[in-house]
PDB file of N, CA and C in Angstrom:
ATOM      1  N   MET A   1     124.633 117.539  75.316  1.00  0.00           N
ATOM      2  CA  MET A   1     126.066 116.741  75.426  1.00  0.00           C
ATOM      3  C   MET A   1     127.294 117.619  75.095  1.00  0.00           C
ATOM      4  N   GLY A   2     128.470 117.401  75.690  1.00  0.00           N
ATOM      5  CA  GLY A   2     129.693 117.760  75.581  1.00  0.00           C
ATOM      6  C   GLY A   2     130.314 117.134  74.273  1.00  0.00           C
ATOM      7  N   LYS A   3     131.315 117.810  73.809  1.00  0.00           N
ATOM      8  CA  LYS A   3     132.149 117.445  72.875  1.00  0.00           C
ATOM      9  C   LYS A   3     133.056 115.814  72.709  1.00  0.00           C
ATOM     10  N   THR A   4     133.136 115.804  74.078  1.00  0.00           N
ATOM     11  CA  THR A   4     133.598 114.397  74.251  1.00  0.00           C
ATOM     12  C   THR A   4     132.636 113.270  74.133  1.00  0.00           C
ATOM     13  N   SER A   5     131.503 113.152  74.618  1.00  0.00           N
ATOM     14  CA  SER A   5     130.522 112.403  74.407  1.00  0.00           C
ATOM     15  C   SER A   5     130.144 112.250  73.018  1.00  0.00           C
ATOM     16  N   ASP A   6     129.947 113.640  72.349  1.00  0.00           N
ATOM     17  CA  ASP A   6     129.786 113.796  70.826  1.00  0.00           C
ATOM     18  C   ASP A   6     130.883 112.858  70.140  1.00  0.00           C
ATOM     19  N   ILE A   7     131.748 113.071  70.324  1.00  0.00           N
ATOM     20  CA  ILE A   7     133.136 112.187  69.703  1.00  0.00           C
ATOM     21  C   ILE A   7     132.882 110.876  69.749  1.00  0.00           C
ATOM     22  N   HIS A   8     132.583 110.439  71.013  1.00  0.00           N
ATOM     23  CA  HIS A   8     132.441 108.767  71.377  1.00  0.00           C
ATOM     24  C   HIS A   8     131.239 108.312  70.601  1.00  0.00           C
ATOM     25  N   GLU A   9     129.944 109.045  70.638  1.00  0.00           N
ATOM     26  CA  GLU A   9     128.820 108.546  69.986  1.00  0.00           C
ATOM     27  C   GLU A   9     129.064 108.700  68.377  1.00  0.00           C
ATOM     28  N   LEU A  10     129.732 109.787  67.884  1.00  0.00           N
ATOM     29  CA  LEU A  10     130.067 109.831  66.410  1.00  0.00           C
ATOM     30  C   LEU A  10     130.897 108.711  66.020  1.00  0.00           C
ATOM     31  N   THR A  11     132.186 108.220  66.646  1.00  0.00           N
ATOM     32  CA  THR A  11     133.144 107.361  66.072  1.00  0.00           C
ATOM     33  C   THR A  11     132.201 105.992  66.468  1.00  0.00           C
ATOM     34  N   ASN A  12     131.124 105.761  67.316  1.00  0.00           N
ATOM     35  CA  ASN A  12     130.618 104.567  67.361  1.00  0.00           C
ATOM     36  C   ASN A  12     129.857 104.363  66.077  1.00  0.00           C
ATOM     37  N   ILE A  13     129.202 105.301  65.767  1.00  0.00           N
ATOM     38  CA  ILE A  13     128.116 105.368  64.888  1.00  0.00           C
ATOM     39  C   ILE A  13     128.796 104.799  63.461  1.00  0.00           C
ATOM     40  N   LEU A  14     129.944 105.777  63.448  1.00  0.00           N
ATOM     41  CA  LEU A  14     130.759 105.629  61.963  1.00  0.00           C
ATOM     42  C   LEU A  14     131.496 104.459  61.944  1.00  0.00           C
ATOM     43  N   ALA A  15     131.950 103.791  63.128  1.00  0.00           N
ATOM     44  CA  ALA A  15     132.697 102.341  63.001  1.00  0.00           C
ATOM     45  C   ALA A  15     131.608 101.345  62.424  1.00  0.00           C
ATOM     46  N   LYS A  16     130.628 101.486  63.036  1.00  0.00           N
ATOM     47  CA  LYS A  16     129.489 100.572  62.516  1.00  0.00           C
ATOM     48  C   LYS A  16     128.964 100.714  60.998  1.00  0.00           C
ATOM     49  N   ALA A  17     128.734 101.965  60.725  1.00  0.00           N
ATOM     50  CA  ALA A  17     128.349 102.191  59.131  1.00  0.00           C
ATOM     51  C   ALA A  17     129.557 101.949  58.324  1.00  0.00           C
ATOM     52  N   LEU A  18     130.746 102.146  58.512  1.00  0.00           N
ATOM     53  CA  LEU A  18     131.720 101.632  57.844  1.00  0.00           C
ATOM     54  C   LEU A  18     131.944 100.409  58.029  1.00  0.00           C
ATOM     55  N   ARG A  19     131.849  99.507  58.802  1.00  0.00           N
ATOM     56  CA  ARG A  19     131.776  98.112  58.936  1.00  0.00           C
ATOM     57  C   ARG A  19     130.421  97.468  58.125  1.00  0.00           C
ATOM     58  N   HIS A  20     129.503  98.346  57.962  1.00  0.00           N
ATOM     59  CA  HIS A  20     128.417  97.534  56.901  1.00  0.00           C
ATOM     60  C   HIS A  20     129.050  97.786  55.783  1.00  0.00           C
ATOM     61  N   LYS A  21     129.376  99.201  55.618  1.00  0.00           N
ATOM     62  CA  LYS A  21     129.849  99.726  53.828  1.00  0.00           C
ATOM     63  C   LYS A  21     131.036  98.810  53.694  1.00  0.00           C
ATOM     64  N   ILE A  22     131.879  98.482  54.409  1.00  0.00           N
ATOM     65  CA  ILE A  22     133.126  97.677  53.701  1.00  0.00           C
ATOM     66  C   ILE A  22     132.561  96.026  53.723  1.00  0.00           C
ATOM     67  N   GLY A  23     131.761  95.510  54.664  1.00  0.00           N
ATOM     68  CA  GLY A  23     131.314  93.998  54.482  1.00  0.00           C
ATOM     69  C   GLY A  23     130.193  93.967  53.344  1.00  0.00           C
ATOM     70  N   ALA A  24     129.587  95.034  52.884  1.00  0.00           N
ATOM     71  CA  ALA A  24     128.872  95.067  51.591  1.00  0.00           C
ATOM     72  C   ALA A  24     129.613  95.101  50.427  1.00  0.00           C
ATOM     73  N   MET A  25     130.764  95.633  50.580  1.00  0.00           N
ATOM     74  CA  MET A  25     131.806  95.811  49.344  1.00  0.00           C
ATOM     75  C   MET A  25     132.641  94.462  49.211  1.00  0.00           C
ATOM     76  N   VAL A  26     132.925  93.966  50.356  1.00  0.00           N
ATOM     77  CA  VAL A  26     133.867  92.614  50.346  1.00  0.00           C
ATOM     78  C   VAL A  26     133.153  91.694  49.939  1.00  0.00           C
ATOM     79  N   ASN A  27     131.913  91.411  50.511  1.00  0.00           N
ATOM     80  CA  ASN A  27     130.972  90.340  50.383  1.00  0.00           C
ATOM     81  C   ASN A  27     129.746  90.826  49.370  1.00  0.00           C
ATOM     82  N   SER A  28     129.990  91.134  48.324  1.00  0.00           N
ATOM     83  CA  SER A  28     128.958  91.962  47.372  1.00  0.00           C
ATOM     84  C   SER A  28     127.976  90.909  46.856  1.00  0.00           C
ATOM     85  N   ASN A  29     128.437  89.616  46.805  1.00  0.00           N
ATOM     86  CA  ASN A  29     127.631  88.700  46.192  1.00  0.00           C
ATOM     87  C   ASN A  29     126.825  87.675  47.326  1.00  0.00           C
ATOM     88  N   GLU A  30     126.921  88.396  48.467  1.00  0.00           N
ATOM     89  CA  GLU A  30     125.963  87.831  49.652  1.00  0.00           C
ATOM     90  C   GLU A  30     124.687  88.603  49.560  1.00  0.00           C
ATOM     91  N   ILE A  31     123.664  87.815  50.048  1.00  0.00           N
ATOM     92  CA  ILE A  31     122.269  88.383  50.182  1.00  0.00           C
ATOM     93  C   ILE A  31     121.921  89.494  50.957  1.00  0.00           C
ATOM     94  N   TYR A  32     122.916  89.524  51.926  1.00  0.00           N
ATOM     95  CA  TYR A  32     122.685  90.813  52.973  1.00  0.00           C
ATOM     96  C   TYR A  32     123.483  91.933  52.445  1.00  0.00           C
ATOM     97  N   ALA A  33     124.352  91.901  51.522  1.00  0.00           N
ATOM     98  CA  ALA A  33     125.223  93.133  51.352  1.00  0.00           C
ATOM     99  C   ALA A  33     124.269  94.379  50.823  1.00  0.00           C
ATOM    100  N   GLU A  34     123.121  94.301  50.097  1.00  0.00           N
ATOM    101  CA  GLU A  34     122.495  95.460  49.836  1.00  0.00           C
ATOM    102  C   GLU A  34     121.825  96.058  51.102  1.00  0.00           C
ATOM    103  N   LYS A  35     121.404  95.314  52.154  1.00  0.00           N
ATOM    104  CA  LYS A  35     120.869  95.714  53.230  1.00  0.00           C
ATOM    105  C   LYS A  35     121.916  96.501  54.060  1.00  0.00           C
ATOM    106  N   TYR A  36     123.042  95.785  54.046  1.00  0.00           N
ATOM    107  CA  TYR A  36     124.243  96.287  54.690  1.00  0.00           C
ATOM    108  C   TYR A  36     124.523  97.660  54.294  1.00  0.00           C
ATOM    109  N   ALA A  37     124.510  98.019  52.998  1.00  0.00           N
ATOM    110  CA  ALA A  37     124.798  99.265  52.186  1.00  0.00           C
ATOM    111  C   ALA A  37     123.784 100.162  52.618  1.00  0.00           C
ATOM    112  N   LYS A  38     122.512  99.800  52.765  1.00  0.00           N
ATOM    113  CA  LYS A  38     121.472 100.744  53.241  1.00  0.00           C
ATOM    114  C   LYS A  38     121.519 101.100  54.520  1.00  0.00           C
ATOM    115  N   ASP A  39     121.883 100.033  55.419  1.00  0.00           N
ATOM    116  CA  ASP A  39     122.081 100.360  56.830  1.00  0.00           C
ATOM    117  C   ASP A  39     123.291 101.520  56.990  1.00  0.00           C
ATOM    118  N   ALA A  40     124.341 101.179  56.186  1.00  0.00           N
ATOM    119  CA  ALA A  40     125.511 102.189  56.475  1.00  0.00           C
ATOM    120  C   ALA A  40     125.009 103.495  55.911  1.00  0.00           C
ATOM    121  N   ASP A  41     124.204 103.821  54.989  1.00  0.00           N
ATOM    122  CA  ASP A  41     123.625 105.100  54.519  1.00  0.00           C
ATOM    123  C   ASP A  41     122.907 105.638  55.679  1.00  0.00           C
ATOM    124  N   LEU A  42     121.837 104.937  56.311  1.00  0.00           N
ATOM    125  CA  LEU A  42     121.309 105.483  57.472  1.00  0.00           C
ATOM    126  C   LEU A  42     122.136 106.006  58.661  1.00  0.00           C
ATOM    127  N   LEU A  43     123.204 105.154  58.873  1.00  0.00           N
ATOM    128  CA  LEU A  43     123.981 105.339  60.226  1.00  0.00           C
ATOM    129  C   LEU A  43     124.745 106.533  59.790  1.00  0.00           C
ATOM    130  N   ILE A  44     125.083 106.712  58.417  1.00  0.00           N
ATOM    131  CA  ILE A  44     125.948 108.133  58.062  1.00  0.00           C
ATOM    132  C   ILE A  44     124.967 109.168  58.139  1.00  0.00           C
ATOM    133  N   LYS A  45     123.732 109.187  57.949  1.00  0.00           N
ATOM    134  CA  LYS A  45     122.874 110.272  58.125  1.00  0.00           C
ATOM    135  C   LYS A  45     122.608 110.454  59.466  1.00  0.00           C
ATOM    136  N   GLU A  46     122.590 109.516  60.312  1.00  0.00           N
ATOM    137  CA  GLU A  46     122.384 109.830  61.901  1.00  0.00           C
ATOM    138  C   GLU A  46     124.056 110.656  62.350  1.00  0.00           C
ATOM    139  N   ALA A  47     125.005 110.318  61.893  1.00  0.00           N
ATOM    140  CA  ALA A  47     126.248 110.725  62.225  1.00  0.00           C
ATOM    141  C   ALA A  47     126.276 112.451  61.902  1.00  0.00           C
ATOM    142  N   LYS A  48     125.653 112.552  60.612  1.00  0.00           N
ATOM    143  CA  LYS A  48     125.885 113.998  60.008  1.00  0.00           C
ATOM    144  C   LYS A  48     125.044 114.746  61.010  1.00  0.00           C
ATOM    145  N   LYS A  49     123.889 114.415  61.847  1.00  0.00           N
ATOM    146  CA  LYS A  49     123.221 115.093  62.815  1.00  0.00           C
ATOM    147  C   LYS A  49     124.168 115.357  63.724  1.00  0.00           C
ATOM    148  N   ILE A  50     125.191 114.490  64.439  1.00  0.00           N
ATOM    149  CA  ILE A  50     125.880 114.606  65.322  1.00  0.00           C
ATOM    150  C   ILE A  50     127.011 115.809  64.978  1.00  0.00           C
ATOM    151  N   VAL A  51     127.496 115.764  63.823  1.00  0.00           N
ATOM    152  CA  VAL A  51     128.565 116.712  63.430  1.00  0.00           C
ATOM    153  C   VAL A  51     127.997 118.004  63.281  1.00  0.00           C
ATOM    154  N   PHE A  52     126.742 118.382  63.102  1.00  0.00           N
ATOM    155  CA  PHE A  52     126.440 119.558  63.092  1.00  0.00           C
ATOM    156  C   PHE A  52     126.015 120.143  64.353  1.00  0.00           C
ATOM    157  N   ARG A  53     125.964 119.275  65.483  1.00  0.00           N
ATOM    158  CA  ARG A  53     125.749 119.834  66.800  1.00  0.00           C
ATOM    159  C   ARG A  53     127.006 120.288  67.678  1.00  0.00           C
ATOM    160  N   GLN A  54     128.071 120.459  66.706  1.00  0.00           N
ATOM    161  CA  GLN A  54     129.526 121.091  67.562  1.00  0.00           C
ATOM    162  C   GLN A  54     130.208 121.900  66.378  1.00  0.00           C
ATOM    163  N   ASN A  55     131.083 122.712  66.768  1.00  0.00           N
ATOM    164  CA  ASN A  55     131.947 123.256  65.689  1.00  0.00           C
ATOM    165  C   ASN A  55     133.388 122.781  66.096  1.00  0.00           C
ATOM    166  N   TRP A  56     133.598 121.736  65.221  1.00  0.00           N
ATOM    167  CA  TRP A  56     134.821 120.833  65.343  1.00  0.00           C
ATOM    168  C   TRP A  56     136.181 121.798  64.986  1.00  0.00           C
ATOM    169  N   ASN A  57     137.234 121.790  65.778  1.00  0.00           N
ATOM    170  CA  ASN A  57     138.478 122.420  65.280  1.00  0.00           C
ATOM    171  C   ASN A  57     139.326 121.324  65.010  1.00  0.00           C
ATOM    172  N   SER A  58     140.693 121.350  64.367  1.00  0.00           N
ATOM    173  CA  SER A  58     141.684 120.700  63.982  1.00  0.00           C
ATOM    174  C   SER A  58     141.938 119.377  65.011  1.00  0.00           C
ATOM    175  N   TYR A  59     141.968 119.906  66.230  1.00  0.00           N
ATOM    176  CA  TYR A  59     142.341 118.829  67.185  1.00  0.00           C
ATOM    177  C   TYR A  59     141.066 117.846  67.449  1.00  0.00           C
ATOM    178  N   ASP A  60     139.907 118.480  67.344  1.00  0.00           N
ATOM    179  CA  ASP A  60     138.649 117.393  67.436  1.00  0.00           C
ATOM    180  C   ASP A  60     138.659 116.537  66.084  1.00  0.00           C
ATOM    181  N   LYS A  61     138.861 117.003  65.263  1.00  0.00           N
ATOM    182  CA  LYS A  61     139.126 116.132  63.901  1.00  0.00           C
ATOM    183  C   LYS A  61     140.064 115.234  63.863  1.00  0.00           C
ATOM    184  N   SER A  62     141.253 115.338  64.413  1.00  0.00           N
ATOM    185  CA  SER A  62     142.322 114.438  64.673  1.00  0.00           C
ATOM    186  C   SER A  62     141.805 113.347  65.546  1.00  0.00           C
ATOM    187  N   ARG A  63     141.345 113.911  66.607  1.00  0.00           N
ATOM    188  CA  ARG A  63     140.795 113.034  67.569  1.00  0.00           C
ATOM    189  C   ARG A  63     139.770 111.887  67.006  1.00  0.00           C
ATOM    190  N   ILE A  64     139.012 112.363  66.272  1.00  0.00           N
ATOM    191  CA  ILE A  64     137.859 111.526  65.740  1.00  0.00           C
ATOM    192  C   ILE A  64     138.495 110.566  64.766  1.00  0.00           C
ATOM    193  N   LYS A  65     139.523 111.043  63.883  1.00  0.00           N
ATOM    194  CA  LYS A  65     140.013 110.145  63.145  1.00  0.00           C
ATOM    195  C   LYS A  65     140.715 108.878  63.960  1.00  0.00           C
ATOM    196  N   ASN A  66     141.456 109.235  64.693  1.00  0.00           N
ATOM    197  CA  ASN A  66     142.130 108.049  65.756  1.00  0.00           C
ATOM    198  C   ASN A  66     141.264 107.325  66.237  1.00  0.00           C
ATOM    199  N   GLU A  67     140.388 107.895  66.852  1.00  0.00           N
ATOM    200  CA  GLU A  67     139.445 106.936  67.793  1.00  0.00           C
ATOM    201  C   GLU A  67     138.657 106.225  66.671  1.00  0.00           C
ATOM    202  N   LEU A  68     138.408 106.708  65.536  1.00  0.00           N
ATOM    203  CA  LEU A  68     137.476 105.778  64.551  1.00  0.00           C
ATOM    204  C   LEU A  68     138.384 104.740  63.994  1.00  0.00           C
ATOM    205  N   ARG A  69     139.875 104.904  63.875  1.00  0.00           N
ATOM    206  CA  ARG A  69     140.277 103.907  63.245  1.00  0.00           C
ATOM    207  C   ARG A  69     140.335 102.811  64.298  1.00  0.00           C
ATOM    208  N   LYS A  70     140.583 102.841  65.642  1.00  0.00           N
ATOM    209  CA  LYS A  70     140.760 102.114  66.614  1.00  0.00           C
ATOM    210  C   LYS A  70     139.515 101.331  66.615  1.00  0.00           C
ATOM    211  N   LYS A  71     138.353 101.764  66.667  1.00  0.00           N
ATOM    212  CA  LYS A  71     137.033 101.249  66.707  1.00  0.00           C
ATOM    213  C   LYS A  71     136.655 100.583  65.460  1.00  0.00           C
ATOM    214  N   LEU A  72     137.061 101.167  64.307  1.00  0.00           N
ATOM    215  CA  LEU A  72     136.709 100.456  63.289  1.00  0.00           C
ATOM    216  C   LEU A  72     137.503  98.971  62.820  1.00  0.00           C
ATOM    217  N   ARG A  73     138.844  99.240  63.243  1.00  0.00           N
ATOM    218  CA  ARG A  73     139.497  97.955  63.251  1.00  0.00           C
ATOM    219  C   ARG A  73     139.027  96.903  64.335  1.00  0.00           C
ATOM    220  N   LEU A  74     138.559  97.184  65.377  1.00  0.00           N
ATOM    221  CA  LEU A  74     137.781  96.297  66.469  1.00  0.00           C
ATOM    222  C   LEU A  74     136.818  95.622  65.925  1.00  0.00           C
ATOM    223  N   GLU A  75     135.995  96.356  65.202  1.00  0.00           N
ATOM    224  CA  GLU A  75     134.774  96.093  64.718  1.00  0.00           C
ATOM    225  C   GLU A  75     134.981  94.772  63.577  1.00  0.00           C
ATOM    226  N   LEU A  76     135.929  95.328  62.491  1.00  0.00           N
ATOM    227  CA  LEU A  76     136.256  94.513  61.491  1.00  0.00           C
ATOM    228  C   LEU A  76     136.878  93.335  62.074  1.00  0.00           C
ATOM    229  N   GLU A  77     138.068  93.302  62.839  1.00  0.00           N
ATOM    230  CA  GLU A  77     138.369  92.091  63.778  1.00  0.00           C
ATOM    231  C   GLU A  77     137.204  91.070  64.043  1.00  0.00           C
ATOM    232  N   LYS A  78     136.228  91.593  64.626  1.00  0.00           N
ATOM    233  CA  LYS A  78     135.158  90.728  65.393  1.00  0.00           C
ATOM    234  C   LYS A  78     134.509  89.976  64.175  1.00  0.00           C
ATOM    235  N   LYS A  79     134.489  90.584  62.715  1.00  0.00           N
ATOM    236  CA  LYS A  79     133.720  89.912  61.945  1.00  0.00           C
ATOM    237  C   LYS A  79     134.766  89.258  60.971  1.00  0.00           C
ATOM    238  N   ASP A  80     134.883  87.975  61.575  1.00  0.00           N
ATOM    239  CA  ASP A  80     136.110  87.091  60.610  1.00  0.00           C
ATOM    240  C   ASP A  80     135.333  86.416  59.512  1.00  0.00           C
ATOM    241  N   PHE A  81     134.064  86.330  59.321  1.00  0.00           N
ATOM    242  CA  PHE A  81     133.420  85.831  57.993  1.00  0.00           C
ATOM    243  C   PHE A  81     133.650  86.702  56.800  1.00  0.00           C
ATOM    244  N   LEU A  82     134.045  88.074  57.173  1.00  0.00           N
ATOM    245  CA  LEU A  82     134.486  88.948  55.877  1.00  0.00           C
ATOM    246  C   LEU A  82     135.913  88.643  55.653  1.00  0.00           C
ATOM    247  N   ASP A  83     136.228  88.685  54.349  1.00  0.00           N
ATOM    248  CA  ASP A  83     137.674  88.629  53.568  1.00  0.00           C
ATOM    249  C   ASP A  83     138.478  89.516  54.477  1.00  0.00           C
ATOM    250  N   ASP A  84     139.768  89.135  54.287  1.00  0.00           N
ATOM    251  CA  ASP A  84     140.827  90.061  54.956  1.00  0.00           C
ATOM    252  C   ASP A  84     141.095  91.445  54.017  1.00  0.00           C
ATOM    253  N   ARG A  85     140.276  91.479  52.899  1.00  0.00           N
ATOM    254  CA  ARG A  85     140.567  92.820  52.018  1.00  0.00           C
ATOM    255  C   ARG A  85     139.845  93.887  52.967  1.00  0.00           C
ATOM    256  N   LYS A  86     138.914  93.449  53.753  1.00  0.00           N
ATOM    257  CA  LYS A  86     138.274  94.623  54.564  1.00  0.00           C
ATOM    258  C   LYS A  86     139.127  95.525  55.236  1.00  0.00           C
ATOM    259  N   PHE A  87     140.479  95.056  55.532  1.00  0.00           N
ATOM    260  CA  PHE A  87     141.644  95.923  56.234  1.00  0.00           C
ATOM    261  C   PHE A  87     142.209  96.950  55.084  1.00  0.00           C
ATOM    262  N   ASP A  88     142.245  96.345  54.007  1.00  0.00           N
ATOM    263  CA  ASP A  88     142.887  97.198  53.017  1.00  0.00           C
ATOM    264  C   ASP A  88     142.076  98.231  52.533  1.00  0.00           C
ATOM    265  N   MET A  89     140.681  98.351  52.678  1.00  0.00           N
ATOM    266  CA  MET A  89     139.735  99.174  52.518  1.00  0.00           C
ATOM    267  C   MET A  89     139.629 100.200  53.597  1.00  0.00           C
ATOM    268  N   MET A  90     139.773  99.822  54.658  1.00  0.00           N
ATOM    269  CA  MET A  90     139.443 100.748  55.993  1.00  0.00           C
ATOM    270  C   MET A  90     140.038 102.268  55.760  1.00  0.00           C
ATOM    271  N   ASP A  91     141.213 102.455  55.720  1.00  0.00           N
ATOM    272  CA  ASP A  91     141.701 103.619  55.426  1.00  0.00           C
ATOM    273  C   ASP A  91     140.945 104.698  54.398  1.00  0.00           C
ATOM    274  N   GLU A  92     140.868 103.930  53.153  1.00  0.00           N
ATOM    275  CA  GLU A  92     140.166 104.690  52.174  1.00  0.00           C
ATOM    276  C   GLU A  92     138.685 105.134  52.485  1.00  0.00           C
ATOM    277  N   GLU A  93     138.089 104.133  52.958  1.00  0.00           N
ATOM    278  CA  GLU A  93     136.638 104.266  53.097  1.00  0.00           C
ATOM    279  C   GLU A  93     136.496 105.260  54.413  1.00  0.00           C
ATOM    280  N   MET A  94     137.424 105.111  55.545  1.00  0.00           N
ATOM    281  CA  MET A  94     137.328 106.033  56.272  1.00  0.00           C
ATOM    282  C   MET A  94     137.609 107.747  56.055  1.00  0.00           C
ATOM    283  N   THR A  95     138.540 107.886  55.195  1.00  0.00           N
ATOM    284  CA  THR A  95     139.010 109.086  54.533  1.00  0.00           C
ATOM    285  C   THR A  95     137.728 109.701  53.776  1.00  0.00           C
ATOM    286  N   LYS A  96     137.115 108.860  53.151  1.00  0.00           N
ATOM    287  CA  LYS A  96     135.909 109.346  52.229  1.00  0.00           C
ATOM    288  C   LYS A  96     134.703 109.688  53.156  1.00  0.00           C
ATOM    289  N   VAL A  97     134.426 109.025  54.269  1.00  0.00           N
ATOM    290  CA  VAL A  97     133.273 109.532  55.073  1.00  0.00           C
ATOM    291  C   VAL A  97     133.566 110.713  55.818  1.00  0.00           C
ATOM    292  N   LEU A  98     134.957 110.807  56.162  1.00  0.00           N
ATOM    293  CA  LEU A  98     135.512 111.831  56.960  1.00  0.00           C
ATOM    294  C   LEU A  98     135.343 113.205  56.353  1.00  0.00           C
ATOM    295  N   LYS A  99     135.400 113.114  54.534  1.00  0.00           N
ATOM    296  CA  LYS A  99     135.415 114.251  53.937  1.00  0.00           C
ATOM    297  C   LYS A  99     133.969 114.585  53.601  1.00  0.00           C
ATOM    298  N   GLU A 100     133.377 113.500  53.496  1.00  0.00           N
ATOM    299  CA  GLU A 100     131.877 113.550  53.324  1.00  0.00           C
ATOM    300  C   GLU A 100     131.321 114.464  54.491  1.00  0.00           C
ATOM    301  N   LEU A 101     131.591 114.216  55.441  1.00  0.00           N
ATOM    302  CA  LEU A 101     131.262 115.069  56.976  1.00  0.00           C
ATOM    303  C   LEU A 101     131.984 116.205  57.404  1.00  0.00           C
ATOM    304  N   GLU A 102     132.861 116.596  56.456  1.00  0.00           N
ATOM    305  CA  GLU A 102     133.907 117.841  56.563  1.00  0.00           C
ATOM    306  C   GLU A 102     134.552 117.947  57.786  1.00  0.00           C
ATOM    307  N   LEU A 103     134.913 116.619  58.119  1.00  0.00           N
ATOM    308  CA  LEU A 103     135.840 116.184  59.444  1.00  0.00           C
ATOM    309  C   LEU A 103     137.315 115.635  58.737  1.00  0.00           C
ATOM    310  N   ALA A 104     137.744 115.943  57.692  1.00  0.00           N
ATOM    311  CA  ALA A 104     138.948 115.527  57.370  1.00  0.00           C
ATOM    312  C   ALA A 104     139.750 116.992  56.730  1.00  0.00           C
TER     313      ALA A 104
END
């Protein structure tokens, strides 16, 4: 696979992972919150596999961050049952996961 397709796959997985993570945090008292948190962890592990396939330069990292921001916002907008605090948490959680993956 090329870098572009890896970036698309990576950002798709991370957007879903962060949607689950933020959903679990925002609605922590719901019965599905624990499952969402576990799903987020599994998706982040999948993303790590993609990260190790490429040697990312600063342009790639910036592109990943911008694409992830767009996709995550769309994912969160679809989930109208989540409290609007989800948007307040978006940038912070994105930064955390990108640092964890050494993409920040």
